[in-house]
PDB file of N, CA and C in Angstrom:
ATOM      1  N   ILE A   1       2.192 -11.714  16.097  1.00  0.00           N
ATOM      2  CA  ILE A   1       2.585 -12.258  14.809  1.00  0.00           C
ATOM      3  C   ILE A   1       1.631 -11.719  13.757  1.00  0.00           C
ATOM      4  N   LEU A   2       2.183 -11.283  12.633  1.00  0.00           N
ATOM      5  CA  LEU A   2       1.379 -10.760  11.538  1.00  0.00           C
ATOM      6  C   LEU A   2       1.200 -11.825  10.467  1.00  0.00           C
ATOM      7  N   ASP A   3      -0.018 -11.971   9.968  1.00  0.00           N
ATOM      8  CA  ASP A   3      -0.270 -12.847   8.829  1.00  0.00           C
ATOM      9  C   ASP A   3       0.211 -12.153   7.567  1.00  0.00           C
ATOM     10  N   ALA A   4       0.562 -12.935   6.568  1.00  0.00           N
ATOM     11  CA  ALA A   4       1.011 -12.361   5.301  1.00  0.00           C
ATOM     12  C   ALA A   4       0.428 -13.142   4.120  1.00  0.00           C
ATOM     13  N   PRO A   5      -0.900 -13.186   3.995  1.00  0.00           N
ATOM     14  CA  PRO A   5      -1.480 -13.887   2.843  1.00  0.00           C
ATOM     15  C   PRO A   5      -1.159 -13.133   1.559  1.00  0.00           C
ATOM     16  N   GLY A   6      -0.768 -13.855   0.531  1.00  0.00           N
ATOM     17  CA  GLY A   6      -0.444 -13.215  -0.738  1.00  0.00           C
ATOM     18  C   GLY A   6       1.007 -12.780  -0.856  1.00  0.00           C
ATOM     19  N   LEU A   7       1.849 -13.086   0.144  1.00  0.00           N
ATOM     20  CA  LEU A   7       3.271 -12.745   0.057  1.00  0.00           C
ATOM     21  C   LEU A   7       3.920 -13.645  -0.992  1.00  0.00           C
ATOM     22  N   LYS A   8       4.498 -13.049  -2.025  1.00  0.00           N
ATOM     23  CA  LYS A   8       5.105 -13.824  -3.113  1.00  0.00           C
ATOM     24  C   LYS A   8       6.373 -14.520  -2.623  1.00  0.00           C
ATOM     25  N   ASN A   9       6.531 -15.769  -3.017  1.00  0.00           N
ATOM     26  CA  ASN A   9       7.720 -16.544  -2.700  1.00  0.00           C
ATOM     27  C   ASN A   9       8.684 -16.433  -3.881  1.00  0.00           C
ATOM     28  N   ASP A  10       9.463 -15.358  -3.904  1.00  0.00           N
ATOM     29  CA  ASP A  10      10.386 -15.093  -5.004  1.00  0.00           C
ATOM     30  C   ASP A  10      11.651 -14.472  -4.422  1.00  0.00           C
ATOM     31  N   PHE A  11      12.770 -15.158  -4.596  1.00  0.00           N
ATOM     32  CA  PHE A  11      14.050 -14.728  -4.049  1.00  0.00           C
ATOM     33  C   PHE A  11      14.431 -13.315  -4.488  1.00  0.00           C
ATOM     34  N   TYR A  12      14.037 -12.915  -5.680  1.00  0.00           N
ATOM     35  CA  TYR A  12      14.462 -11.640  -6.249  1.00  0.00           C
ATOM     36  C   TYR A  12      13.606 -10.451  -5.833  1.00  0.00           C
ATOM     37  N   LEU A  13      12.573 -10.672  -5.069  1.00  0.00           N
ATOM     38  CA  LEU A  13      11.712  -9.582  -4.620  1.00  0.00           C
ATOM     39  C   LEU A  13      12.081  -9.168  -3.203  1.00  0.00           C
ATOM     40  N   ASN A  14      11.877  -7.902  -2.880  1.00  0.00           N
ATOM     41  CA  ASN A  14      12.142  -7.358  -1.542  1.00  0.00           C
ATOM     42  C   ASN A  14      10.843  -6.766  -1.022  1.00  0.00           C
ATOM     43  N   LEU A  15      10.059  -7.575  -0.313  1.00  0.00           N
ATOM     44  CA  LEU A  15       8.675  -7.228  -0.018  1.00  0.00           C
ATOM     45  C   LEU A  15       8.399  -6.821   1.421  1.00  0.00           C
ATOM     46  N   VAL A  16       9.432  -6.763   2.250  1.00  0.00           N
ATOM     47  CA  VAL A  16       9.264  -6.364   3.650  1.00  0.00           C
ATOM     48  C   VAL A  16      10.331  -5.324   3.978  1.00  0.00           C
ATOM     49  N   ASP A  17       9.940  -4.278   4.710  1.00  0.00           N
ATOM     50  CA  ASP A  17      10.886  -3.243   5.128  1.00  0.00           C
ATOM     51  C   ASP A  17      10.513  -2.777   6.531  1.00  0.00           C
ATOM     52  N   TRP A  18      11.522  -2.565   7.360  1.00  0.00           N
ATOM     53  CA  TRP A  18      11.322  -2.054   8.715  1.00  0.00           C
ATOM     54  C   TRP A  18      12.131  -0.768   8.832  1.00  0.00           C
ATOM     55  N   SER A  19      11.451   0.368   8.966  1.00  0.00           N
ATOM     56  CA  SER A  19      12.137   1.662   8.944  1.00  0.00           C
ATOM     57  C   SER A  19      12.751   2.008  10.298  1.00  0.00           C
ATOM     58  N   ASN A  20      13.595   3.046  10.301  1.00  0.00           N
ATOM     59  CA  ASN A  20      14.194   3.551  11.537  1.00  0.00           C
ATOM     60  C   ASN A  20      13.160   4.138  12.487  1.00  0.00           C
ATOM     61  N   LYS A  21      11.964   4.429  11.994  1.00  0.00           N
ATOM     62  CA  LYS A  21      10.880   4.948  12.834  1.00  0.00           C
ATOM     63  C   LYS A  21       9.941   3.840  13.295  1.00  0.00           C
ATOM     64  N   ASP A  22      10.377   2.579  13.193  1.00  0.00           N
ATOM     65  CA  ASP A  22       9.600   1.410  13.605  1.00  0.00           C
ATOM     66  C   ASP A  22       8.321   1.214  12.792  1.00  0.00           C
ATOM     67  N   ILE A  23       8.362   1.601  11.519  1.00  0.00           N
ATOM     68  CA  ILE A  23       7.244   1.348  10.624  1.00  0.00           C
ATOM     69  C   ILE A  23       7.564   0.081   9.836  1.00  0.00           C
ATOM     70  N   LEU A  24       6.736  -0.947  10.014  1.00  0.00           N
ATOM     71  CA  LEU A  24       6.876  -2.186   9.263  1.00  0.00           C
ATOM     72  C   LEU A  24       5.990  -2.084   8.036  1.00  0.00           C
ATOM     73  N   SER A  25       6.588  -2.243   6.863  1.00  0.00           N
ATOM     74  CA  SER A  25       5.847  -2.202   5.601  1.00  0.00           C
ATOM     75  C   SER A  25       5.951  -3.567   4.942  1.00  0.00           C
ATOM     76  N   MET A  26       4.857  -3.994   4.304  1.00  0.00           N
ATOM     77  CA  MET A  26       4.827  -5.293   3.655  1.00  0.00           C
ATOM     78  C   MET A  26       3.998  -5.210   2.384  1.00  0.00           C
ATOM     79  N   ALA A  27       4.525  -5.786   1.312  1.00  0.00           N
ATOM     80  CA  ALA A  27       3.802  -5.830   0.041  1.00  0.00           C
ATOM     81  C   ALA A  27       3.153  -7.197  -0.107  1.00  0.00           C
ATOM     82  N   LEU A  28       1.854  -7.183  -0.285  1.00  0.00           N
ATOM     83  CA  LEU A  28       1.097  -8.404  -0.525  1.00  0.00           C
ATOM     84  C   LEU A  28       0.362  -8.225  -1.842  1.00  0.00           C
ATOM     85  N   SER A  29       0.879  -8.864  -2.886  1.00  0.00           N
ATOM     86  CA  SER A  29       0.322  -8.766  -4.232  1.00  0.00           C
ATOM     87  C   SER A  29       0.421  -7.328  -4.724  1.00  0.00           C
ATOM     88  N   THR A  30      -0.694  -6.644  -4.922  1.00  0.00           N
ATOM     89  CA  THR A  30      -0.677  -5.270  -5.434  1.00  0.00           C
ATOM     90  C   THR A  30      -0.940  -4.238  -4.338  1.00  0.00           C
ATOM     91  N   PHE A  31      -0.890  -4.650  -3.088  1.00  0.00           N
ATOM     92  CA  PHE A  31      -1.156  -3.771  -1.950  1.00  0.00           C
ATOM     93  C   PHE A  31       0.111  -3.577  -1.121  1.00  0.00           C
ATOM     94  N   VAL A  32       0.273  -2.379  -0.549  1.00  0.00           N
ATOM     95  CA  VAL A  32       1.342  -2.122   0.417  1.00  0.00           C
ATOM     96  C   VAL A  32       0.676  -1.735   1.730  1.00  0.00           C
ATOM     97  N   TYR A  33       0.955  -2.521   2.771  1.00  0.00           N
ATOM     98  CA  TYR A  33       0.424  -2.281   4.108  1.00  0.00           C
ATOM     99  C   TYR A  33       1.552  -1.774   4.997  1.00  0.00           C
ATOM    100  N   TYR A  34       1.184  -1.013   6.021  1.00  0.00           N
ATOM    101  CA  TYR A  34       2.185  -0.587   6.996  1.00  0.00           C
ATOM    102  C   TYR A  34       1.546  -0.486   8.374  1.00  0.00           C
ATOM    103  N   VAL A  35       2.391  -0.630   9.382  1.00  0.00           N
ATOM    104  CA  VAL A  35       1.935  -0.522  10.768  1.00  0.00           C
ATOM    105  C   VAL A  35       3.082   0.046  11.601  1.00  0.00           C
ATOM    106  N   ASN A  36       2.750   0.920  12.533  1.00  0.00           N
ATOM    107  CA  ASN A  36       3.730   1.442  13.477  1.00  0.00           C
ATOM    108  C   ASN A  36       3.906   0.394  14.569  1.00  0.00           C
ATOM    109  N   MET A  37       5.036  -0.280  14.585  1.00  0.00           N
ATOM    110  CA  MET A  37       5.258  -1.388  15.517  1.00  0.00           C
ATOM    111  C   MET A  37       5.454  -0.914  16.950  1.00  0.00           C
ATOM    112  N   THR A  38       5.725   0.361  17.158  1.00  0.00           N
ATOM    113  CA  THR A  38       5.827   0.896  18.513  1.00  0.00           C
ATOM    114  C   THR A  38       4.476   0.813  19.214  1.00  0.00           C
ATOM    115  N   ASP A  39       3.405   1.008  18.456  1.00  0.00           N
ATOM    116  CA  ASP A  39       2.056   1.018  19.020  1.00  0.00           C
ATOM    117  C   ASP A  39       1.297  -0.288  18.835  1.00  0.00           C
ATOM    118  N   TYR A  40       1.820  -1.210  18.042  1.00  0.00           N
ATOM    119  CA  TYR A  40       1.092  -2.441  17.707  1.00  0.00           C
ATOM    120  C   TYR A  40       1.369  -3.505  18.763  1.00  0.00           C
ATOM    121  N   HIS A  41       0.301  -4.096  19.288  1.00  0.00           N
ATOM    122  CA  HIS A  41       0.473  -5.095  20.348  1.00  0.00           C
ATOM    123  C   HIS A  41      -0.257  -6.393  20.054  1.00  0.00           C
ATOM    124  N   GLY A  42      -0.489  -6.703  18.809  1.00  0.00           N
ATOM    125  CA  GLY A  42      -1.051  -7.999  18.478  1.00  0.00           C
ATOM    126  C   GLY A  42      -2.381  -7.958  17.764  1.00  0.00           C
ATOM    127  N   LYS A  43      -2.955  -9.137  17.675  1.00  0.00           N
ATOM    128  CA  LYS A  43      -4.121  -9.366  16.840  1.00  0.00           C
ATOM    129  C   LYS A  43      -5.319  -8.501  17.185  1.00  0.00           C
ATOM    130  N   ASP A  44      -5.482  -8.100  18.433  1.00  0.00           N
ATOM    131  CA  ASP A  44      -6.635  -7.284  18.816  1.00  0.00           C
ATOM    132  C   ASP A  44      -6.516  -5.847  18.305  1.00  0.00           C
ATOM    133  N   GLN A  45      -5.411  -5.509  17.675  1.00  0.00           N
ATOM    134  CA  GLN A  45      -5.213  -4.147  17.174  1.00  0.00           C
ATOM    135  C   GLN A  45      -4.988  -4.124  15.663  1.00  0.00           C
ATOM    136  N   GLU A  46      -5.669  -5.010  14.930  1.00  0.00           N
ATOM    137  CA  GLU A  46      -5.502  -5.079  13.481  1.00  0.00           C
ATOM    138  C   GLU A  46      -5.941  -3.803  12.783  1.00  0.00           C
ATOM    139  N   ASP A  47      -6.747  -2.978  13.446  1.00  0.00           N
ATOM    140  CA  ASP A  47      -7.176  -1.715  12.838  1.00  0.00           C
ATOM    141  C   ASP A  47      -6.008  -0.735  12.684  1.00  0.00           C
ATOM    142  N   GLN A  48      -4.880  -1.015  13.325  1.00  0.00           N
ATOM    143  CA  GLN A  48      -3.703  -0.153  13.188  1.00  0.00           C
ATOM    144  C   GLN A  48      -2.911  -0.451  11.918  1.00  0.00           C
ATOM    145  N   ILE A  49      -3.214  -1.562  11.253  1.00  0.00           N
ATOM    146  CA  ILE A  49      -2.561  -1.895   9.989  1.00  0.00           C
ATOM    147  C   ILE A  49      -3.272  -1.119   8.888  1.00  0.00           C
ATOM    148  N   LYS A  50      -2.513  -0.309   8.168  1.00  0.00           N
ATOM    149  CA  LYS A  50      -3.104   0.590   7.173  1.00  0.00           C
ATOM    150  C   LYS A  50      -2.601   0.256   5.768  1.00  0.00           C
ATOM    151  N   VAL A  51      -3.396   0.606   4.774  1.00  0.00           N
ATOM    152  CA  VAL A  51      -3.009   0.439   3.374  1.00  0.00           C
ATOM    153  C   VAL A  51      -2.384   1.745   2.897  1.00  0.00           C
ATOM    154  N   LEU A  52      -1.151   1.671   2.422  1.00  0.00           N
ATOM    155  CA  LEU A  52      -0.498   2.860   1.874  1.00  0.00           C
ATOM    156  C   LEU A  52      -0.905   3.061   0.422  1.00  0.00           C
ATOM    157  N   CYS A  53      -0.879   1.982  -0.345  1.00  0.00           N
ATOM    158  CA  CYS A  53      -1.265   2.089  -1.753  1.00  0.00           C
ATOM    159  C   CYS A  53      -1.744   0.733  -2.242  1.00  0.00           C
ATOM    160  N   ALA A  54      -2.519   0.772  -3.315  1.00  0.00           N
ATOM    161  CA  ALA A  54      -3.070  -0.453  -3.882  1.00  0.00           C
ATOM    162  C   ALA A  54      -3.362  -0.248  -5.355  1.00  0.00           C
ATOM    163  N   ASP A  55      -3.108  -1.279  -6.128  1.00  0.00           N
ATOM    164  CA  ASP A  55      -3.508  -1.292  -7.532  1.00  0.00           C
ATOM    165  C   ASP A  55      -4.755  -2.161  -7.600  1.00  0.00           C
ATOM    166  N   THR A  56      -5.904  -1.535  -7.620  1.00  0.00           N
ATOM    167  CA  THR A  56      -7.162  -2.268  -7.480  1.00  0.00           C
ATOM    168  C   THR A  56      -7.530  -3.112  -8.693  1.00  0.00           C
ATOM    169  N   ASP A  57      -6.908  -2.867  -9.851  1.00  0.00           N
ATOM    170  CA  ASP A  57      -7.198  -3.755 -10.984  1.00  0.00           C
ATOM    171  C   ASP A  57      -6.224  -4.940 -11.032  1.00  0.00           C
ATOM    172  N   HIS A  58      -5.322  -5.027 -10.044  1.00  0.00           N
ATOM    173  CA  HIS A  58      -4.435  -6.180  -9.821  1.00  0.00           C
ATOM    174  C   HIS A  58      -3.519  -6.491 -11.002  1.00  0.00           C
ATOM    175  N   THR A  59      -3.031  -5.470 -11.704  1.00  0.00           N
ATOM    176  CA  THR A  59      -2.131  -5.708 -12.832  1.00  0.00           C
ATOM    177  C   THR A  59      -0.702  -5.263 -12.550  1.00  0.00           C
ATOM    178  N   ASN A  60      -0.459  -4.573 -11.451  1.00  0.00           N
ATOM    179  CA  ASN A  60       0.851  -3.988 -11.186  1.00  0.00           C
ATOM    180  C   ASN A  60       1.364  -4.439  -9.825  1.00  0.00           C
ATOM    181  N   PHE A  61       1.875  -5.684  -9.747  1.00  0.00           N
ATOM    182  CA  PHE A  61       2.292  -6.203  -8.448  1.00  0.00           C
ATOM    183  C   PHE A  61       3.528  -5.486  -7.926  1.00  0.00           C
ATOM    184  N   VAL A  62       3.614  -5.388  -6.607  1.00  0.00           N
ATOM    185  CA  VAL A  62       4.746  -4.737  -5.934  1.00  0.00           C
ATOM    186  C   VAL A  62       5.921  -5.707  -5.915  1.00  0.00           C
ATOM    187  N   SER A  63       7.113  -5.204  -6.248  1.00  0.00           N
ATOM    188  CA  SER A  63       8.295  -6.054  -6.312  1.00  0.00           C
ATOM    189  C   SER A  63       9.389  -5.653  -5.322  1.00  0.00           C
ATOM    190  N   SER A  64       9.296  -4.450  -4.735  1.00  0.00           N
ATOM    191  CA  SER A  64      10.323  -4.034  -3.777  1.00  0.00           C
ATOM    192  C   SER A  64       9.835  -2.875  -2.915  1.00  0.00           C
ATOM    193  N   LEU A  65      10.379  -2.821  -1.699  1.00  0.00           N
ATOM    194  CA  LEU A  65      10.090  -1.754  -0.739  1.00  0.00           C
ATOM    195  C   LEU A  65      11.391  -1.328  -0.082  1.00  0.00           C
ATOM    196  N   LYS A  66      11.543  -0.034   0.176  1.00  0.00           N
ATOM    197  CA  LYS A  66      12.713   0.432   0.925  1.00  0.00           C
ATOM    198  C   LYS A  66      12.436   1.799   1.527  1.00  0.00           C
ATOM    199  N   SER A  67      12.602   1.905   2.846  1.00  0.00           N
ATOM    200  CA  SER A  67      12.460   3.186   3.552  1.00  0.00           C
ATOM    201  C   SER A  67      13.758   3.972   3.455  1.00  0.00           C
ATOM    202  N   ASN A  68      13.626   5.303   3.433  1.00  0.00           N
ATOM    203  CA  ASN A  68      14.842   6.113   3.479  1.00  0.00           C
ATOM    204  C   ASN A  68      15.382   6.115   4.909  1.00  0.00           C
ATOM    205  N   GLU A  69      16.557   6.702   5.097  1.00  0.00           N
ATOM    206  CA  GLU A  69      17.229   6.640   6.398  1.00  0.00           C
ATOM    207  C   GLU A  69      16.411   7.261   7.525  1.00  0.00           C
ATOM    208  N   SER A  70      15.698   8.339   7.241  1.00  0.00           N
ATOM    209  CA  SER A  70      14.894   8.989   8.280  1.00  0.00           C
ATOM    210  C   SER A  70      13.603   8.231   8.562  1.00  0.00           C
ATOM    211  N   GLY A  71      13.209   7.337   7.663  1.00  0.00           N
ATOM    212  CA  GLY A  71      11.974   6.582   7.843  1.00  0.00           C
ATOM    213  C   GLY A  71      10.728   7.332   7.421  1.00  0.00           C
ATOM    214  N   GLU A  72      10.897   8.507   6.842  1.00  0.00           N
ATOM    215  CA  GLU A  72       9.740   9.307   6.433  1.00  0.00           C
ATOM    216  C   GLU A  72       9.222   8.939   5.051  1.00  0.00           C
ATOM    217  N   LEU A  73      10.102   8.420   4.188  1.00  0.00           N
ATOM    218  CA  LEU A  73       9.713   8.061   2.824  1.00  0.00           C
ATOM    219  C   LEU A  73       9.834   6.559   2.623  1.00  0.00           C
ATOM    220  N   LEU A  74       8.928   6.011   1.826  1.00  0.00           N
ATOM    221  CA  LEU A  74       8.979   4.601   1.458  1.00  0.00           C
ATOM    222  C   LEU A  74       8.931   4.516  -0.061  1.00  0.00           C
ATOM    223  N   ALA A  75       9.987   3.947  -0.650  1.00  0.00           N
ATOM    224  CA  ALA A  75      10.006   3.719  -2.091  1.00  0.00           C
ATOM    225  C   ALA A  75       9.320   2.388  -2.363  1.00  0.00           C
ATOM    226  N   VAL A  76       8.437   2.383  -3.349  1.00  0.00           N
ATOM    227  CA  VAL A  76       7.686   1.186  -3.727  1.00  0.00           C
ATOM    228  C   VAL A  76       7.988   0.898  -5.193  1.00  0.00           C
ATOM    229  N   GLY A  77       8.658  -0.223  -5.448  1.00  0.00           N
ATOM    230  CA  GLY A  77       8.942  -0.634  -6.816  1.00  0.00           C
ATOM    231  C   GLY A  77       7.882  -1.605  -7.292  1.00  0.00           C
ATOM    232  N   THR A  78       7.489  -1.470  -8.548  1.00  0.00           N
ATOM    233  CA  THR A  78       6.485  -2.358  -9.135  1.00  0.00           C
ATOM    234  C   THR A  78       6.984  -2.842 -10.487  1.00  0.00           C
ATOM    235  N   LYS A  79       6.175  -3.635 -11.167  1.00  0.00           N
ATOM    236  CA  LYS A  79       6.578  -4.099 -12.495  1.00  0.00           C
ATOM    237  C   LYS A  79       6.472  -2.997 -13.540  1.00  0.00           C
ATOM    238  N   LYS A  80       5.879  -1.853 -13.171  1.00  0.00           N
ATOM    239  CA  LYS A  80       5.708  -0.749 -14.115  1.00  0.00           C
ATOM    240  C   LYS A  80       6.492   0.513 -13.745  1.00  0.00           C
ATOM    241  N   GLY A  81       7.284   0.486 -12.678  1.00  0.00           N
ATOM    242  CA  GLY A  81       8.036   1.666 -12.264  1.00  0.00           C
ATOM    243  C   GLY A  81       8.200   1.716 -10.757  1.00  0.00           C
ATOM    244  N   TRP A  82       8.476   2.900 -10.222  1.00  0.00           N
ATOM    245  CA  TRP A  82       8.578   3.073  -8.767  1.00  0.00           C
ATOM    246  C   TRP A  82       7.968   4.408  -8.375  1.00  0.00           C
ATOM    247  N   LYS A  83       7.564   4.474  -7.085  1.00  0.00           N
ATOM    248  CA  LYS A  83       7.059   5.711  -6.495  1.00  0.00           C
ATOM    249  C   LYS A  83       7.641   5.841  -5.099  1.00  0.00           C
ATOM    250  N   ALA A  84       7.952   7.075  -4.709  1.00  0.00           N
ATOM    251  CA  ALA A  84       8.378   7.362  -3.338  1.00  0.00           C
ATOM    252  C   ALA A  84       7.188   7.991  -2.623  1.00  0.00           C
ATOM    253  N   TRP A  85       6.802   7.395  -1.508  1.00  0.00           N
ATOM    254  CA  TRP A  85       5.639   7.833  -0.739  1.00  0.00           C
ATOM    255  C   TRP A  85       6.065   8.497   0.556  1.00  0.00           C
ATOM    256  N   ASP A  86       5.408   9.587   0.918  1.00  0.00           N
ATOM    257  CA  ASP A  86       5.492  10.156   2.259  1.00  0.00           C
ATOM    258  C   ASP A  86       4.506   9.340   3.088  1.00  0.00           C
ATOM    259  N   VAL A  87       5.022   8.537   4.010  1.00  0.00           N
ATOM    260  CA  VAL A  87       4.176   7.587   4.738  1.00  0.00           C
ATOM    261  C   VAL A  87       3.143   8.304   5.601  1.00  0.00           C
ATOM    262  N   GLN A  88       3.549   9.343   6.323  1.00  0.00           N
ATOM    263  CA  GLN A  88       2.608  10.058   7.199  1.00  0.00           C
ATOM    264  C   GLN A  88       1.490  10.733   6.407  1.00  0.00           C
ATOM    265  N   ALA A  89       1.845  11.414   5.329  1.00  0.00           N
ATOM    266  CA  ALA A  89       0.855  12.147   4.531  1.00  0.00           C
ATOM    267  C   ALA A  89       0.128  11.236   3.544  1.00  0.00           C
ATOM    268  N   GLN A  90       0.654  10.039   3.324  1.00  0.00           N
ATOM    269  CA  GLN A  90       0.117   9.075   2.364  1.00  0.00           C
ATOM    270  C   GLN A  90      -0.009   9.688   0.968  1.00  0.00           C
ATOM    271  N   THR A  91       1.060  10.365   0.540  1.00  0.00           N
ATOM    272  CA  THR A  91       1.088  10.982  -0.783  1.00  0.00           C
ATOM    273  C   THR A  91       2.368  10.588  -1.517  1.00  0.00           C
ATOM    274  N   VAL A  92       2.292  10.580  -2.834  1.00  0.00           N
ATOM    275  CA  VAL A  92       3.455  10.303  -3.672  1.00  0.00           C
ATOM    276  C   VAL A  92       4.261  11.589  -3.814  1.00  0.00           C
ATOM    277  N   VAL A  93       5.566  11.513  -3.550  1.00  0.00           N
ATOM    278  CA  VAL A  93       6.430  12.688  -3.672  1.00  0.00           C
ATOM    279  C   VAL A  93       7.328  12.626  -4.907  1.00  0.00           C
ATOM    280  N   SER A  94       7.488  11.436  -5.483  1.00  0.00           N
ATOM    281  CA  SER A  94       8.317  11.276  -6.669  1.00  0.00           C
ATOM    282  C   SER A  94       8.007   9.929  -7.307  1.00  0.00           C
ATOM    283  N   GLY A  95       8.452   9.737  -8.534  1.00  0.00           N
ATOM    284  CA  GLY A  95       8.230   8.453  -9.180  1.00  0.00           C
ATOM    285  C   GLY A  95       8.829   8.382 -10.565  1.00  0.00           C
ATOM    286  N   TRP A  96       8.804   7.175 -11.125  1.00  0.00           N
ATOM    287  CA  TRP A  96       9.321   6.919 -12.458  1.00  0.00           C
ATOM    288  C   TRP A  96       8.540   5.757 -13.044  1.00  0.00           C
ATOM    289  N   LYS A  97       8.034   5.920 -14.260  1.00  0.00           N
ATOM    290  CA  LYS A  97       7.221   4.879 -14.891  1.00  0.00           C
ATOM    291  C   LYS A  97       7.971   4.246 -16.051  1.00  0.00           C
ATOM    292  N   LEU A  98       8.902   3.381 -15.739  1.00  0.00           N
ATOM    293  CA  LEU A  98       9.622   2.670 -16.785  1.00  0.00           C
ATOM    294  C   LEU A  98      10.327   1.473 -16.162  1.00  0.00           C
ATOM    295  N   GLY A  99       9.971   0.284 -16.545  1.00  0.00           N
ATOM    296  CA  GLY A  99      10.651  -0.914 -16.089  1.00  0.00           C
ATOM    297  C   GLY A  99      10.124  -1.478 -14.787  1.00  0.00           C
ATOM    298  N   ALA A 100      10.615  -2.660 -14.483  1.00  0.00           N
ATOM    299  CA  ALA A 100      10.255  -3.373 -13.258  1.00  0.00           C
ATOM    300  C   ALA A 100      11.408  -3.260 -12.266  1.00  0.00           C
ATOM    301  N   TYR A 101      11.150  -2.681 -11.108  1.00  0.00           N
ATOM    302  CA  TYR A 101      12.204  -2.438 -10.125  1.00  0.00           C
ATOM    303  C   TYR A 101      12.099  -3.416  -8.965  1.00  0.00           C
ATOM    304  N   ARG A 102      13.140  -4.255  -8.828  1.00  0.00           N
ATOM    305  CA  ARG A 102      13.150  -5.286  -7.798  1.00  0.00           C
ATOM    306  C   ARG A 102      14.103  -4.976  -6.655  1.00  0.00           C
ATOM    307  N   CYS A 103      14.887  -3.927  -6.799  1.00  0.00           N
ATOM    308  CA  CYS A 103      15.851  -3.566  -5.761  1.00  0.00           C
ATOM    309  C   CYS A 103      15.897  -2.048  -5.641  1.00  0.00           C
ATOM    310  N   LEU A 104      15.779  -1.550  -4.421  1.00  0.00           N
ATOM    311  CA  LEU A 104      15.787  -0.114  -4.157  1.00  0.00           C
ATOM    312  C   LEU A 104      16.749   0.174  -3.012  1.00  0.00           C
ATOM    313  N   ALA A 105      17.476   1.283  -3.094  1.00  0.00           N
ATOM    314  CA  ALA A 105      18.390   1.680  -2.018  1.00  0.00           C
ATOM    315  C   ALA A 105      18.466   3.198  -1.963  1.00  0.00           C
ATOM    316  N   TRP A 106      18.395   3.743  -0.758  1.00  0.00           N
ATOM    317  CA  TRP A 106      18.497   5.189  -0.541  1.00  0.00           C
ATOM    318  C   TRP A 106      19.919   5.547  -0.137  1.00  0.00           C
ATOM    319  N   ASN A 107      20.392   6.702  -0.595  1.00  0.00           N
ATOM    320  CA  ASN A 107      21.628   7.315  -0.126  1.00  0.00           C
ATOM    321  C   ASN A 107      21.297   8.791   0.060  1.00  0.00           C
ATOM    322  N   GLY A 108      21.024   9.175   1.294  1.00  0.00           N
ATOM    323  CA  GLY A 108      20.540  10.528   1.545  1.00  0.00           C
ATOM    324  C   GLY A 108      19.171  10.692   0.915  1.00  0.00           C
ATOM    325  N   ASN A 109      19.038  11.700   0.054  1.00  0.00           N
ATOM    326  CA  ASN A 109      17.744  11.903  -0.600  1.00  0.00           C
ATOM    327  C   ASN A 109      17.723  11.343  -2.020  1.00  0.00           C
ATOM    328  N   MET A 110      18.734  10.535  -2.373  1.00  0.00           N
ATOM    329  CA  MET A 110      18.795   9.924  -3.702  1.00  0.00           C
ATOM    330  C   MET A 110      18.390   8.463  -3.617  1.00  0.00           C
ATOM    331  N   LEU A 111      17.614   8.022  -4.593  1.00  0.00           N
ATOM    332  CA  LEU A 111      17.156   6.637  -4.647  1.00  0.00           C
ATOM    333  C   LEU A 111      17.793   5.943  -5.842  1.00  0.00           C
ATOM    334  N   ALA A 112      18.410   4.789  -5.592  1.00  0.00           N
ATOM    335  CA  ALA A 112      18.910   3.943  -6.672  1.00  0.00           C
ATOM    336  C   ALA A 112      17.911   2.812  -6.864  1.00  0.00           C
ATOM    337  N   ALA A 113      17.606   2.494  -8.111  1.00  0.00           N
ATOM    338  CA  ALA A 113      16.623   1.455  -8.411  1.00  0.00           C
ATOM    339  C   ALA A 113      17.193   0.517  -9.461  1.00  0.00           C
ATOM    340  N   GLY A 114      17.013  -0.787  -9.254  1.00  0.00           N
ATOM    341  CA  GLY A 114      17.544  -1.759 -10.197  1.00  0.00           C
ATOM    342  C   GLY A 114      16.544  -2.847 -10.520  1.00  0.00           C
ATOM    343  N   SER A 115      16.829  -3.536 -11.628  1.00  0.00           N
ATOM    344  CA  SER A 115      15.936  -4.606 -12.066  1.00  0.00           C
ATOM    345  C   SER A 115      16.761  -5.744 -12.650  1.00  0.00           C
ATOM    346  N   LEU A 116      16.096  -6.828 -12.967  1.00  0.00           N
ATOM    347  CA  LEU A 116      16.740  -7.954 -13.638  1.00  0.00           C
ATOM    348  C   LEU A 116      16.588  -7.763 -15.137  1.00  0.00           C
ATOM    349  N   GLY A 117      17.652  -7.426 -15.790  1.00  0.00           N
ATOM    350  CA  GLY A 117      17.613  -7.304 -17.255  1.00  0.00           C
ATOM    351  C   GLY A 117      16.899  -6.131 -17.664  1.00  0.00           C
TER     352      GLY A 117
END
């Protein structure tokens, strides 16, 4: 069982994603964590939980997560825009800085992003 301190209780946010490659991603406040669930076997292996990205000044909370179909990319929506991350390389491959994105969906290599208002 994974702890989730800081998980926002908001119906309109999408803060957990499980990819086709068994990568579990979770947004806790301004941090995005991920773990390969194929290799994770419980509390004694917490070192396998990694930080993908973080806003260290705590002003840009994460509002949505969505893996692409192959599980290689993870889109991260925030109150200031979105970024698509290559999970293995831990690098940003694309992004947009405008608006708060609470819903993300992939169709092939295209990402649709939506917000409330």
